[in-house]
Amino acid sequence: MQSQFLMSKEPKYPSEVAEKFNVRLPSGMRELIRKAAEESGRSMNVEIIHRLQNSFAQQTISVELIDVLKALAGSVVEVKERDGIQEVTFQRPIPVPNRD
């Protein structure tokens, strides 16, 4: 007769239900991750997840920034240089990019 523990299909830890993905790292990358994880007080796994999440967040910020810069560039009315400093005049109101 098997014990109830062995027959249980319920996960005991969150890591038992987390998706797993094997990655081949270039030479030296594992050591970089280990050092970064140690410096931040995280496990290597959490360090990798943290950095991936930040890279996706940064990508979103970059796309939004580009949209804002395009709107600003499209609203430039005049550019003058005085004493080596460029003065830029924008139309008002500055159009806000559509986020849809």
N, C-alpha and C. Protein backbone atom coordinates (compact mmCIF):
# COMPACT_ATOMS: atom_id res chain seq x y z
N MET A 1 0.84 -1.19 0.00
CA MET A 1 0.00 0.00 0.00
C MET A 1 0.88 1.25 0.00
N GLN A 2 0.62 2.18 -0.93
CA GLN A 2 1.41 3.39 -1.02
C GLN A 2 0.90 4.41 -0.01
N SER A 3 1.83 5.23 0.47
CA SER A 3 1.41 6.26 1.41
C SER A 3 0.58 7.32 0.70
N GLN A 4 -0.19 8.04 1.47
CA GLN A 4 -1.05 9.08 0.91
C GLN A 4 -0.20 10.18 0.28
N PHE A 5 0.98 10.44 0.83
CA PHE A 5 1.86 11.48 0.30
C PHE A 5 2.29 11.15 -1.13
N LEU A 6 2.65 9.90 -1.38
CA LEU A 6 3.11 9.52 -2.72
C LEU A 6 1.97 9.54 -3.73
N MET A 7 0.77 9.30 -3.29
CA MET A 7 -0.37 9.26 -4.20
C MET A 7 -0.92 10.66 -4.50
N SER A 8 -0.59 11.64 -3.68
CA SER A 8 -1.12 12.98 -3.85
C SER A 8 -0.59 13.61 -5.13
N LYS A 9 -1.49 14.19 -5.91
CA LYS A 9 -1.11 14.88 -7.15
C LYS A 9 -1.04 16.38 -6.97
N GLU A 10 -1.45 16.87 -5.81
CA GLU A 10 -1.45 18.30 -5.53
C GLU A 10 -0.01 18.80 -5.42
N PRO A 11 0.32 19.92 -6.10
CA PRO A 11 1.67 20.47 -5.97
C PRO A 11 1.91 20.99 -4.55
N LYS A 12 3.11 20.74 -4.06
CA LYS A 12 3.45 21.17 -2.72
C LYS A 12 4.09 22.56 -2.72
N TYR A 13 4.80 22.89 -3.81
CA TYR A 13 5.52 24.15 -3.90
C TYR A 13 5.15 24.86 -5.21
N PRO A 14 5.21 26.21 -5.24
CA PRO A 14 4.92 26.93 -6.50
C PRO A 14 5.85 26.51 -7.64
N SER A 15 7.08 26.16 -7.32
CA SER A 15 8.03 25.78 -8.37
C SER A 15 7.60 24.50 -9.09
N GLU A 16 6.74 23.71 -8.45
CA GLU A 16 6.27 22.47 -9.08
C GLU A 16 5.27 22.74 -10.21
N VAL A 17 4.65 23.93 -10.20
CA VAL A 17 3.69 24.27 -11.26
C VAL A 17 4.24 25.33 -12.21
N ALA A 18 5.41 25.88 -11.91
CA ALA A 18 6.01 26.91 -12.77
C ALA A 18 6.49 26.27 -14.08
N GLU A 19 6.41 27.04 -15.15
CA GLU A 19 6.92 26.55 -16.43
C GLU A 19 8.43 26.43 -16.36
N LYS A 20 8.95 25.41 -17.01
CA LYS A 20 10.40 25.21 -17.04
C LYS A 20 10.87 25.37 -18.48
N PHE A 21 12.05 25.97 -18.63
CA PHE A 21 12.59 26.26 -19.95
C PHE A 21 14.11 26.15 -19.87
N ASN A 22 14.68 25.22 -20.61
CA ASN A 22 16.14 25.05 -20.61
C ASN A 22 16.77 26.04 -21.58
N VAL A 23 17.88 26.62 -21.17
CA VAL A 23 18.58 27.61 -21.99
C VAL A 23 20.05 27.24 -22.06
N ARG A 24 20.62 27.36 -23.23
CA ARG A 24 22.07 27.18 -23.39
C ARG A 24 22.70 28.55 -23.27
N LEU A 25 23.64 28.69 -22.34
CA LEU A 25 24.29 29.98 -22.10
C LEU A 25 25.66 30.00 -22.77
N PRO A 26 26.03 31.14 -23.33
CA PRO A 26 27.38 31.26 -23.87
C PRO A 26 28.41 31.17 -22.74
N SER A 27 29.61 30.83 -23.10
CA SER A 27 30.69 30.69 -22.13
C SER A 27 30.83 31.95 -21.29
N GLY A 28 30.86 31.79 -19.98
CA GLY A 28 31.05 32.91 -19.06
C GLY A 28 29.76 33.55 -18.58
N MET A 29 28.64 33.29 -19.25
CA MET A 29 27.37 33.92 -18.88
C MET A 29 26.88 33.43 -17.52
N ARG A 30 27.03 32.15 -17.25
CA ARG A 30 26.57 31.61 -15.96
C ARG A 30 27.27 32.31 -14.81
N GLU A 31 28.56 32.55 -14.95
CA GLU A 31 29.32 33.22 -13.90
C GLU A 31 28.86 34.67 -13.73
N LEU A 32 28.55 35.36 -14.83
CA LEU A 32 28.01 36.73 -14.74
C LEU A 32 26.69 36.74 -13.99
N ILE A 33 25.84 35.78 -14.30
CA ILE A 33 24.54 35.69 -13.62
C ILE A 33 24.75 35.39 -12.15
N ARG A 34 25.66 34.47 -11.85
CA ARG A 34 25.92 34.11 -10.45
C ARG A 34 26.39 35.32 -9.66
N LYS A 35 27.32 36.09 -10.23
CA LYS A 35 27.83 37.28 -9.54
C LYS A 35 26.74 38.33 -9.35
N ALA A 36 25.95 38.56 -10.38
CA ALA A 36 24.86 39.55 -10.28
C ALA A 36 23.84 39.12 -9.23
N ALA A 37 23.52 37.83 -9.21
CA ALA A 37 22.57 37.31 -8.23
C ALA A 37 23.11 37.47 -6.81
N GLU A 38 24.37 37.18 -6.65
CA GLU A 38 25.00 37.31 -5.33
C GLU A 38 24.98 38.77 -4.86
N GLU A 39 25.32 39.69 -5.76
CA GLU A 39 25.35 41.12 -5.41
C GLU A 39 23.96 41.66 -5.07
N SER A 40 22.94 41.12 -5.72
CA SER A 40 21.58 41.62 -5.48
C SER A 40 20.85 40.83 -4.38
N GLY A 41 21.49 39.77 -3.90
CA GLY A 41 20.87 38.96 -2.85
C GLY A 41 19.72 38.09 -3.36
N ARG A 42 19.77 37.76 -4.65
CA ARG A 42 18.73 36.91 -5.24
C ARG A 42 19.34 35.58 -5.66
N SER A 43 18.47 34.61 -5.90
CA SER A 43 18.93 33.36 -6.50
C SER A 43 19.23 33.62 -7.97
N MET A 44 19.94 32.72 -8.60
CA MET A 44 20.23 32.90 -10.03
C MET A 44 18.94 32.89 -10.83
N ASN A 45 18.00 32.02 -10.48
CA ASN A 45 16.73 31.95 -11.19
C ASN A 45 15.97 33.27 -11.09
N VAL A 46 15.87 33.82 -9.87
CA VAL A 46 15.15 35.08 -9.67
C VAL A 46 15.89 36.22 -10.38
N GLU A 47 17.21 36.19 -10.39
CA GLU A 47 17.99 37.22 -11.09
C GLU A 47 17.68 37.21 -12.59
N ILE A 48 17.62 36.03 -13.17
CA ILE A 48 17.32 35.91 -14.61
C ILE A 48 15.91 36.43 -14.89
N ILE A 49 14.94 36.03 -14.07
CA ILE A 49 13.56 36.49 -14.25
C ILE A 49 13.48 38.01 -14.10
N HIS A 50 14.14 38.55 -13.09
CA HIS A 50 14.16 40.00 -12.85
C HIS A 50 14.69 40.75 -14.07
N ARG A 51 15.80 40.27 -14.60
CA ARG A 51 16.40 40.94 -15.75
C ARG A 51 15.55 40.82 -17.00
N LEU A 52 14.90 39.68 -17.20
CA LEU A 52 14.01 39.54 -18.35
C LEU A 52 12.81 40.47 -18.23
N GLN A 53 12.22 40.53 -17.04
CA GLN A 53 11.09 41.43 -16.83
C GLN A 53 11.49 42.88 -17.08
N ASN A 54 12.65 43.28 -16.59
CA ASN A 54 13.12 44.65 -16.81
C ASN A 54 13.36 44.94 -18.28
N SER A 55 13.89 43.97 -19.02
CA SER A 55 14.15 44.21 -20.44
C SER A 55 12.85 44.42 -21.20
N PHE A 56 11.79 43.67 -20.85
CA PHE A 56 10.50 43.86 -21.52
C PHE A 56 9.87 45.19 -21.12
N ALA A 57 10.00 45.56 -19.85
CA ALA A 57 9.47 46.86 -19.39
C ALA A 57 10.20 48.00 -20.09
N GLN A 58 11.52 47.88 -20.23
CA GLN A 58 12.32 48.92 -20.89
C GLN A 58 11.92 49.05 -22.35
N GLN A 59 11.63 47.93 -22.99
CA GLN A 59 11.21 47.95 -24.39
C GLN A 59 9.90 48.72 -24.53
N THR A 60 8.97 48.52 -23.61
CA THR A 60 7.69 49.23 -23.64
C THR A 60 7.91 50.72 -23.44
N ILE A 61 8.77 51.08 -22.49
CA ILE A 61 9.07 52.50 -22.24
C ILE A 61 9.69 53.12 -23.49
N SER A 62 10.59 52.41 -24.15
CA SER A 62 11.24 52.93 -25.34
C SER A 62 10.24 53.20 -26.45
N VAL A 63 9.30 52.29 -26.66
CA VAL A 63 8.28 52.48 -27.70
C VAL A 63 7.43 53.69 -27.37
N GLU A 64 7.02 53.85 -26.11
CA GLU A 64 6.22 55.00 -25.71
C GLU A 64 7.00 56.29 -25.87
N LEU A 65 8.28 56.28 -25.52
CA LEU A 65 9.12 57.47 -25.67
C LEU A 65 9.25 57.86 -27.14
N ILE A 66 9.41 56.89 -28.00
CA ILE A 66 9.51 57.17 -29.43
C ILE A 66 8.22 57.83 -29.93
N ASP A 67 7.06 57.33 -29.46
CA ASP A 67 5.78 57.93 -29.84
C ASP A 67 5.69 59.39 -29.41
N VAL A 68 6.14 59.67 -28.19
CA VAL A 68 6.11 61.05 -27.67
C VAL A 68 7.05 61.93 -28.48
N LEU A 69 8.25 61.44 -28.77
CA LEU A 69 9.22 62.23 -29.55
C LEU A 69 8.70 62.52 -30.95
N LYS A 70 8.03 61.54 -31.55
CA LYS A 70 7.44 61.76 -32.88
C LYS A 70 6.38 62.86 -32.81
N ALA A 71 5.57 62.83 -31.77
CA ALA A 71 4.53 63.86 -31.61
C ALA A 71 5.17 65.22 -31.42
N LEU A 72 6.23 65.27 -30.62
CA LEU A 72 6.93 66.54 -30.42
C LEU A 72 7.55 67.04 -31.72
N ALA A 73 8.19 66.14 -32.45
CA ALA A 73 8.84 66.54 -33.71
C ALA A 73 7.81 67.07 -34.70
N GLY A 74 6.62 66.47 -34.69
CA GLY A 74 5.57 66.92 -35.60
C GLY A 74 4.94 68.23 -35.19
N SER A 75 5.22 68.70 -33.98
CA SER A 75 4.61 69.94 -33.51
C SER A 75 5.61 71.10 -33.44
N VAL A 76 6.82 70.91 -33.98
CA VAL A 76 7.81 71.98 -33.98
C VAL A 76 7.37 73.06 -34.97
N VAL A 77 7.34 74.30 -34.48
CA VAL A 77 6.95 75.43 -35.32
C VAL A 77 8.19 76.18 -35.81
N GLU A 78 9.16 76.34 -34.92
CA GLU A 78 10.33 77.15 -35.26
C GLU A 78 11.52 76.71 -34.42
N VAL A 79 12.70 76.76 -35.03
CA VAL A 79 13.96 76.49 -34.31
C VAL A 79 14.88 77.66 -34.58
N LYS A 80 15.33 78.32 -33.50
CA LYS A 80 16.26 79.45 -33.62
C LYS A 80 17.50 79.14 -32.80
N GLU A 81 18.62 79.67 -33.24
CA GLU A 81 19.84 79.53 -32.44
C GLU A 81 20.25 80.90 -31.95
N ARG A 82 20.50 80.99 -30.64
CA ARG A 82 20.94 82.24 -30.05
C ARG A 82 22.03 81.92 -29.05
N ASP A 83 23.17 82.53 -29.21
CA ASP A 83 24.31 82.32 -28.32
C ASP A 83 24.68 80.84 -28.21
N GLY A 84 24.61 80.13 -29.34
CA GLY A 84 24.99 78.72 -29.36
C GLY A 84 23.95 77.78 -28.77
N ILE A 85 22.80 78.30 -28.41
CA ILE A 85 21.73 77.49 -27.83
C ILE A 85 20.55 77.48 -28.77
N GLN A 86 20.04 76.29 -29.05
CA GLN A 86 18.87 76.20 -29.92
C GLN A 86 17.60 76.36 -29.10
N GLU A 87 16.74 77.25 -29.58
CA GLU A 87 15.43 77.43 -28.97
C GLU A 87 14.40 76.81 -29.90
N VAL A 88 13.56 75.97 -29.35
CA VAL A 88 12.54 75.28 -30.14
C VAL A 88 11.18 75.77 -29.69
N THR A 89 10.37 76.18 -30.66
CA THR A 89 9.00 76.60 -30.36
C THR A 89 8.05 75.52 -30.87
N PHE A 90 7.15 75.08 -30.00
CA PHE A 90 6.18 74.04 -30.34
C PHE A 90 4.80 74.66 -30.50
N GLN A 91 3.99 74.03 -31.34
CA GLN A 91 2.59 74.44 -31.43
C GLN A 91 1.90 74.04 -30.13
N ARG A 92 0.86 74.75 -29.79
CA ARG A 92 0.11 74.40 -28.58
C ARG A 92 -1.32 74.11 -28.96
N PRO A 93 -1.94 73.13 -28.41
CA PRO A 93 -1.38 72.11 -27.55
C PRO A 93 -0.58 71.09 -28.37
N ILE A 94 0.38 70.46 -27.71
CA ILE A 94 1.17 69.42 -28.37
C ILE A 94 0.28 68.19 -28.48
N PRO A 95 0.19 67.61 -29.69
CA PRO A 95 -0.68 66.44 -29.86
C PRO A 95 -0.17 65.27 -29.02
N VAL A 96 -1.10 64.58 -28.38
CA VAL A 96 -0.76 63.41 -27.57
C VAL A 96 -0.93 62.17 -28.43
N PRO A 97 0.10 61.29 -28.47
CA PRO A 97 -0.02 60.09 -29.28
C PRO A 97 -1.17 59.21 -28.81
N ASN A 98 -1.85 58.58 -29.75
CA ASN A 98 -2.93 57.65 -29.44
C ASN A 98 -2.33 56.35 -28.90
N ARG A 99 -2.75 55.90 -27.73
CA ARG A 99 -2.19 54.70 -27.08
C ARG A 99 -2.93 53.42 -27.44
N ASP A 100 -3.90 53.50 -28.35
CA ASP A 100 -4.70 52.30 -28.69
C ASP A 100 -3.98 51.40 -29.62
